[in-house]
Amino acid sequence: MTTTQEPIRAYHLLNSDGRLGYQDNREVVVGETLEVDVEPELCAAGLHASVRCLDTLRYSPGFQRNTSV
């Protein structure tokens, strides 16, 4: 897979053992690039990350959107 975009700094929450979830189980090493062998599709296929650290919380276990505001 080739890309013409510059890399970005992004955030992703990991399991407590430093590995990816959803049966991927790869260990994440800071500074290494992760790749997938699928055509990325928003919310369906690929890896997700958030540009703002705070935004990662919506993907964390137990997140509940407060709809009463």
PDB file of N, CA and C in Angstrom:
ATOM      1  N   MET A   1       0.843  -1.167   0.000  1.00  0.00           N
ATOM      2  CA  MET A   1       0.000   0.000   0.000  1.00  0.00           C
ATOM      3  C   MET A   1       0.896   1.239   0.000  1.00  0.00           C
ATOM      4  N   THR A   2       0.629   2.150  -0.875  1.00  0.00           N
ATOM      5  CA  THR A   2       1.386   3.397  -0.910  1.00  0.00           C
ATOM      6  C   THR A   2       0.446   4.551  -0.633  1.00  0.00           C
ATOM      7  N   THR A   3       1.004   5.612  -0.117  1.00  0.00           N
ATOM      8  CA  THR A   3       0.196   6.779   0.198  1.00  0.00           C
ATOM      9  C   THR A   3       0.982   8.039  -0.159  1.00  0.00           C
ATOM     10  N   THR A   4       0.254   9.078  -0.477  1.00  0.00           N
ATOM     11  CA  THR A   4       0.901  10.345  -0.789  1.00  0.00           C
ATOM     12  C   THR A   4       0.745  11.325   0.361  1.00  0.00           C
ATOM     13  N   GLN A   5       0.081  10.911   1.442  1.00  0.00           N
ATOM     14  CA  GLN A   5      -0.130  11.790   2.578  1.00  0.00           C
ATOM     15  C   GLN A   5       1.030  11.693   3.558  1.00  0.00           C
ATOM     16  N   GLU A   6       1.293  12.809   4.233  1.00  0.00           N
ATOM     17  CA  GLU A   6       2.312  12.846   5.270  1.00  0.00           C
ATOM     18  C   GLU A   6       1.776  12.145   6.519  1.00  0.00           C
ATOM     19  N   PRO A   7       2.637  11.495   7.276  1.00  0.00           N
ATOM     20  CA  PRO A   7       2.187  10.875   8.532  1.00  0.00           C
ATOM     21  C   PRO A   7       1.669  11.928   9.502  1.00  0.00           C
ATOM     22  N   ILE A   8       0.755  11.503  10.366  1.00  0.00           N
ATOM     23  CA  ILE A   8       0.241  12.380  11.410  1.00  0.00           C
ATOM     24  C   ILE A   8       0.472  11.724  12.763  1.00  0.00           C
ATOM     25  N   ARG A   9       0.484  12.532  13.807  1.00  0.00           N
ATOM     26  CA  ARG A   9       0.529  11.994  15.171  1.00  0.00           C
ATOM     27  C   ARG A   9      -0.916  11.771  15.591  1.00  0.00           C
ATOM     28  N   ALA A  10      -1.210  10.541  16.020  1.00  0.00           N
ATOM     29  CA  ALA A  10      -2.574  10.214  16.423  1.00  0.00           C
ATOM     30  C   ALA A  10      -2.541   9.307  17.645  1.00  0.00           C
ATOM     31  N   TYR A  11      -3.676   9.177  18.300  1.00  0.00           N
ATOM     32  CA  TYR A  11      -3.783   8.431  19.546  1.00  0.00           C
ATOM     33  C   TYR A  11      -4.743   7.261  19.383  1.00  0.00           C
ATOM     34  N   HIS A  12      -4.431   6.173  20.102  1.00  0.00           N
ATOM     35  CA  HIS A  12      -5.249   4.964  20.059  1.00  0.00           C
ATOM     36  C   HIS A  12      -5.139   4.296  21.420  1.00  0.00           C
ATOM     37  N   LEU A  13      -6.260   3.914  22.009  1.00  0.00           N
ATOM     38  CA  LEU A  13      -6.228   3.214  23.290  1.00  0.00           C
ATOM     39  C   LEU A  13      -5.943   1.736  23.057  1.00  0.00           C
ATOM     40  N   LEU A  14      -5.076   1.172  23.889  1.00  0.00           N
ATOM     41  CA  LEU A  14      -4.688  -0.229  23.762  1.00  0.00           C
ATOM     42  C   LEU A  14      -5.200  -1.033  24.941  1.00  0.00           C
ATOM     43  N   ASN A  15      -5.176  -2.345  24.798  1.00  0.00           N
ATOM     44  CA  ASN A  15      -5.431  -3.224  25.930  1.00  0.00           C
ATOM     45  C   ASN A  15      -4.331  -3.015  26.958  1.00  0.00           C
ATOM     46  N   SER A  16      -4.539  -3.458  28.175  1.00  0.00           N
ATOM     47  CA  SER A  16      -3.564  -3.244  29.245  1.00  0.00           C
ATOM     48  C   SER A  16      -2.225  -3.921  28.967  1.00  0.00           C
ATOM     49  N   ASP A  17      -2.200  -4.903  28.065  1.00  0.00           N
ATOM     50  CA  ASP A  17      -0.935  -5.569  27.727  1.00  0.00           C
ATOM     51  C   ASP A  17      -0.215  -4.912  26.549  1.00  0.00           C
ATOM     52  N   GLY A  18      -0.726  -3.763  26.064  1.00  0.00           N
ATOM     53  CA  GLY A  18      -0.074  -3.039  24.972  1.00  0.00           C
ATOM     54  C   GLY A  18      -0.333  -3.628  23.600  1.00  0.00           C
ATOM     55  N   ARG A  19      -1.368  -4.439  23.483  1.00  0.00           N
ATOM     56  CA  ARG A  19      -1.704  -5.073  22.200  1.00  0.00           C
ATOM     57  C   ARG A  19      -3.037  -4.549  21.669  1.00  0.00           C
ATOM     58  N   LEU A  20      -3.213  -4.670  20.352  1.00  0.00           N
ATOM     59  CA  LEU A  20      -4.463  -4.285  19.718  1.00  0.00           C
ATOM     60  C   LEU A  20      -5.572  -5.247  20.108  1.00  0.00           C
ATOM     61  N   GLY A  21      -6.793  -4.770  20.083  1.00  0.00           N
ATOM     62  CA  GLY A  21      -7.957  -5.597  20.377  1.00  0.00           C
ATOM     63  C   GLY A  21      -8.578  -6.174  19.118  1.00  0.00           C
ATOM     64  N   TYR A  22      -9.794  -6.643  19.246  1.00  0.00           N
ATOM     65  CA  TYR A  22     -10.596  -7.167  18.138  1.00  0.00           C
ATOM     66  C   TYR A  22      -9.893  -8.305  17.402  1.00  0.00           C
ATOM     67  N   GLN A  23      -9.344  -9.254  18.156  1.00  0.00           N
ATOM     68  CA  GLN A  23      -8.659 -10.436  17.633  1.00  0.00           C
ATOM     69  C   GLN A  23      -7.422 -10.136  16.794  1.00  0.00           C
ATOM     70  N   ASP A  24      -6.955  -8.891  16.778  1.00  0.00           N
ATOM     71  CA  ASP A  24      -5.727  -8.554  16.049  1.00  0.00           C
ATOM     72  C   ASP A  24      -4.512  -8.988  16.868  1.00  0.00           C
ATOM     73  N   ASN A  25      -4.456  -8.568  18.116  1.00  0.00           N
ATOM     74  CA  ASN A  25      -3.459  -8.998  19.095  1.00  0.00           C
ATOM     75  C   ASN A  25      -2.019  -8.607  18.790  1.00  0.00           C
ATOM     76  N   ARG A  26      -1.785  -7.729  17.808  1.00  0.00           N
ATOM     77  CA  ARG A  26      -0.412  -7.287  17.562  1.00  0.00           C
ATOM     78  C   ARG A  26       0.053  -6.363  18.673  1.00  0.00           C
ATOM     79  N   GLU A  27       1.332  -6.484  19.032  1.00  0.00           N
ATOM     80  CA  GLU A  27       1.913  -5.582  20.017  1.00  0.00           C
ATOM     81  C   GLU A  27       2.216  -4.253  19.338  1.00  0.00           C
ATOM     82  N   VAL A  28       1.889  -3.165  20.003  1.00  0.00           N
ATOM     83  CA  VAL A  28       2.136  -1.837  19.466  1.00  0.00           C
ATOM     84  C   VAL A  28       3.442  -1.309  20.042  1.00  0.00           C
ATOM     85  N   VAL A  29       4.328  -0.848  19.159  1.00  0.00           N
ATOM     86  CA  VAL A  29       5.608  -0.287  19.562  1.00  0.00           C
ATOM     87  C   VAL A  29       5.628   1.177  19.127  1.00  0.00           C
ATOM     88  N   VAL A  30       5.883   2.072  20.079  1.00  0.00           N
ATOM     89  CA  VAL A  30       5.908   3.504  19.778  1.00  0.00           C
ATOM     90  C   VAL A  30       6.915   3.779  18.667  1.00  0.00           C
ATOM     91  N   GLY A  31       6.479   4.520  17.654  1.00  0.00           N
ATOM     92  CA  GLY A  31       7.343   4.888  16.544  1.00  0.00           C
ATOM     93  C   GLY A  31       7.258   3.948  15.351  1.00  0.00           C
ATOM     94  N   GLU A  32       6.670   2.773  15.529  1.00  0.00           N
ATOM     95  CA  GLU A  32       6.506   1.843  14.406  1.00  0.00           C
ATOM     96  C   GLU A  32       5.151   2.072  13.751  1.00  0.00           C
ATOM     97  N   THR A  33       5.096   1.875  12.451  1.00  0.00           N
ATOM     98  CA  THR A  33       3.866   2.048  11.693  1.00  0.00           C
ATOM     99  C   THR A  33       3.134   0.720  11.579  1.00  0.00           C
ATOM    100  N   LEU A  34       1.828   0.738  11.831  1.00  0.00           N
ATOM    101  CA  LEU A  34       1.000  -0.448  11.663  1.00  0.00           C
ATOM    102  C   LEU A  34       0.293  -0.369  10.324  1.00  0.00           C
ATOM    103  N   GLU A  35       0.172  -1.502   9.661  1.00  0.00           N
ATOM    104  CA  GLU A  35      -0.524  -1.558   8.374  1.00  0.00           C
ATOM    105  C   GLU A  35      -1.548  -2.676   8.401  1.00  0.00           C
ATOM    106  N   VAL A  36      -2.552  -2.565   7.553  1.00  0.00           N
ATOM    107  CA  VAL A  36      -3.571  -3.598   7.405  1.00  0.00           C
ATOM    108  C   VAL A  36      -3.674  -3.990   5.935  1.00  0.00           C
ATOM    109  N   ASP A  37      -4.104  -5.215   5.699  1.00  0.00           N
ATOM    110  CA  ASP A  37      -4.227  -5.727   4.330  1.00  0.00           C
ATOM    111  C   ASP A  37      -5.657  -5.646   3.814  1.00  0.00           C
ATOM    112  N   VAL A  38      -6.337  -4.558   4.135  1.00  0.00           N
ATOM    113  CA  VAL A  38      -7.699  -4.340   3.645  1.00  0.00           C
ATOM    114  C   VAL A  38      -7.804  -2.913   3.140  1.00  0.00           C
ATOM    115  N   GLU A  39      -8.792  -2.681   2.321  1.00  0.00           N
ATOM    116  CA  GLU A  39      -9.091  -1.314   1.905  1.00  0.00           C
ATOM    117  C   GLU A  39      -9.783  -0.634   3.087  1.00  0.00           C
ATOM    118  N   PRO A  40      -9.201   0.423   3.650  1.00  0.00           N
ATOM    119  CA  PRO A  40      -9.830   1.069   4.800  1.00  0.00           C
ATOM    120  C   PRO A  40     -11.242   1.549   4.481  1.00  0.00           C
ATOM    121  N   GLU A  41     -12.147   1.325   5.434  1.00  0.00           N
ATOM    122  CA  GLU A  41     -13.525   1.782   5.303  1.00  0.00           C
ATOM    123  C   GLU A  41     -13.946   2.316   6.665  1.00  0.00           C
ATOM    124  N   LEU A  42     -14.386   3.540   6.711  1.00  0.00           N
ATOM    125  CA  LEU A  42     -14.715   4.207   7.949  1.00  0.00           C
ATOM    126  C   LEU A  42     -15.665   3.365   8.807  1.00  0.00           C
ATOM    127  N   CYS A  43     -15.268   3.088  10.027  1.00  0.00           N
ATOM    128  CA  CYS A  43     -16.045   2.337  11.024  1.00  0.00           C
ATOM    129  C   CYS A  43     -16.325   0.893  10.614  1.00  0.00           C
ATOM    130  N   ALA A  44     -15.611   0.362   9.629  1.00  0.00           N
ATOM    131  CA  ALA A  44     -15.852  -1.015   9.202  1.00  0.00           C
ATOM    132  C   ALA A  44     -14.568  -1.816   9.037  1.00  0.00           C
ATOM    133  N   ALA A  45     -13.522  -1.228   8.483  1.00  0.00           N
ATOM    134  CA  ALA A  45     -12.298  -1.976   8.223  1.00  0.00           C
ATOM    135  C   ALA A  45     -11.092  -1.059   8.318  1.00  0.00           C
ATOM    136  N   GLY A  46     -10.051  -1.566   8.952  1.00  0.00           N
ATOM    137  CA  GLY A  46      -8.829  -0.788   9.092  1.00  0.00           C
ATOM    138  C   GLY A  46      -8.556  -0.491  10.561  1.00  0.00           C
ATOM    139  N   LEU A  47      -7.610   0.392  10.817  1.00  0.00           N
ATOM    140  CA  LEU A  47      -7.268   0.807  12.174  1.00  0.00           C
ATOM    141  C   LEU A  47      -7.757   2.226  12.390  1.00  0.00           C
ATOM    142  N   HIS A  48      -8.239   2.499  13.591  1.00  0.00           N
ATOM    143  CA  HIS A  48      -8.679   3.865  13.871  1.00  0.00           C
ATOM    144  C   HIS A  48      -7.703   4.543  14.816  1.00  0.00           C
ATOM    145  N   ALA A  49      -7.677   5.841  14.752  1.00  0.00           N
ATOM    146  CA  ALA A  49      -6.880   6.660  15.654  1.00  0.00           C
ATOM    147  C   ALA A  49      -7.543   8.030  15.719  1.00  0.00           C
ATOM    148  N   SER A  50      -7.214   8.768  16.754  1.00  0.00           N
ATOM    149  CA  SER A  50      -7.798  10.095  16.941  1.00  0.00           C
ATOM    150  C   SER A  50      -6.684  11.140  16.988  1.00  0.00           C
ATOM    151  N   VAL A  51      -6.903  12.245  16.325  1.00  0.00           N
ATOM    152  CA  VAL A  51      -5.918  13.322  16.316  1.00  0.00           C
ATOM    153  C   VAL A  51      -5.852  13.973  17.699  1.00  0.00           C
ATOM    154  N   ARG A  52      -6.990  14.084  18.372  1.00  0.00           N
ATOM    155  CA  ARG A  52      -7.012  14.625  19.730  1.00  0.00           C
ATOM    156  C   ARG A  52      -7.112  13.477  20.728  1.00  0.00           C
ATOM    157  N   CYS A  53      -6.249  13.468  21.719  1.00  0.00           N
ATOM    158  CA  CYS A  53      -6.229  12.405  22.720  1.00  0.00           C
ATOM    159  C   CYS A  53      -7.600  12.218  23.368  1.00  0.00           C
ATOM    160  N   LEU A  54      -8.271  13.315  23.675  1.00  0.00           N
ATOM    161  CA  LEU A  54      -9.580  13.254  24.317  1.00  0.00           C
ATOM    162  C   LEU A  54     -10.590  12.462  23.486  1.00  0.00           C
ATOM    163  N   ASP A  55     -10.489  12.526  22.170  1.00  0.00           N
ATOM    164  CA  ASP A  55     -11.431  11.831  21.296  1.00  0.00           C
ATOM    165  C   ASP A  55     -11.311  10.313  21.380  1.00  0.00           C
ATOM    166  N   THR A  56     -10.191   9.788  21.875  1.00  0.00           N
ATOM    167  CA  THR A  56     -10.056   8.331  21.986  1.00  0.00           C
ATOM    168  C   THR A  56     -11.049   7.749  22.975  1.00  0.00           C
ATOM    169  N   LEU A  57     -11.506   8.558  23.919  1.00  0.00           N
ATOM    170  CA  LEU A  57     -12.406   8.044  24.950  1.00  0.00           C
ATOM    171  C   LEU A  57     -13.712   7.507  24.388  1.00  0.00           C
ATOM    172  N   ARG A  58     -14.179   8.042  23.274  1.00  0.00           N
ATOM    173  CA  ARG A  58     -15.433   7.547  22.696  1.00  0.00           C
ATOM    174  C   ARG A  58     -15.303   6.108  22.202  1.00  0.00           C
ATOM    175  N   TYR A  59     -14.070   5.620  22.021  1.00  0.00           N
ATOM    176  CA  TYR A  59     -13.854   4.252  21.573  1.00  0.00           C
ATOM    177  C   TYR A  59     -13.490   3.323  22.730  1.00  0.00           C
ATOM    178  N   SER A  60     -13.442   3.860  23.955  1.00  0.00           N
ATOM    179  CA  SER A  60     -13.022   3.054  25.093  1.00  0.00           C
ATOM    180  C   SER A  60     -14.185   2.218  25.626  1.00  0.00           C
ATOM    181  N   PRO A  61     -13.870   1.054  26.212  1.00  0.00           N
ATOM    182  CA  PRO A  61     -14.923   0.234  26.809  1.00  0.00           C
ATOM    183  C   PRO A  61     -15.650   1.027  27.900  1.00  0.00           C
ATOM    184  N   GLY A  62     -16.949   0.922  27.924  1.00  0.00           N
ATOM    185  CA  GLY A  62     -17.733   1.600  28.946  1.00  0.00           C
ATOM    186  C   GLY A  62     -18.134   3.021  28.609  1.00  0.00           C
ATOM    187  N   PHE A  63     -17.719   3.530  27.444  1.00  0.00           N
ATOM    188  CA  PHE A  63     -18.091   4.900  27.070  1.00  0.00           C
ATOM    189  C   PHE A  63     -19.594   4.976  26.864  1.00  0.00           C
ATOM    190  N   GLN A  64     -20.201   5.990  27.452  1.00  0.00           N
ATOM    191  CA  GLN A  64     -21.637   6.232  27.245  1.00  0.00           C
ATOM    192  C   GLN A  64     -21.819   7.689  26.898  1.00  0.00           C
ATOM    193  N   ARG A  65     -22.429   7.936  25.774  1.00  0.00           N
ATOM    194  CA  ARG A  65     -22.696   9.322  25.346  1.00  0.00           C
ATOM    195  C   ARG A  65     -23.806   9.899  26.227  1.00  0.00           C
ATOM    196  N   ASN A  66     -23.567  11.071  26.778  1.00  0.00           N
ATOM    197  CA  ASN A  66     -24.560  11.745  27.604  1.00  0.00           C
ATOM    198  C   ASN A  66     -25.534  12.462  26.672  1.00  0.00           C
ATOM    199  N   THR A  67     -26.715  11.902  26.526  1.00  0.00           N
ATOM    200  CA  THR A  67     -27.700  12.485  25.596  1.00  0.00           C
ATOM    201  C   THR A  67     -28.649  13.449  26.280  1.00  0.00           C
ATOM    202  N   SER A  68     -28.477  13.656  27.609  1.00  0.00           N
ATOM    203  CA  SER A  68     -29.399  14.545  28.318  1.00  0.00           C
ATOM    204  C   SER A  68     -28.944  15.990  28.324  1.00  0.00           C
ATOM    205  N   VAL A  69     -27.814  16.294  27.705  1.00  0.00           N
ATOM    206  CA  VAL A  69     -27.302  17.670  27.705  1.00  0.00           C
ATOM    207  C   VAL A  69     -27.974  18.475  26.628  1.00  0.00           C
TER     208      VAL A  69
END
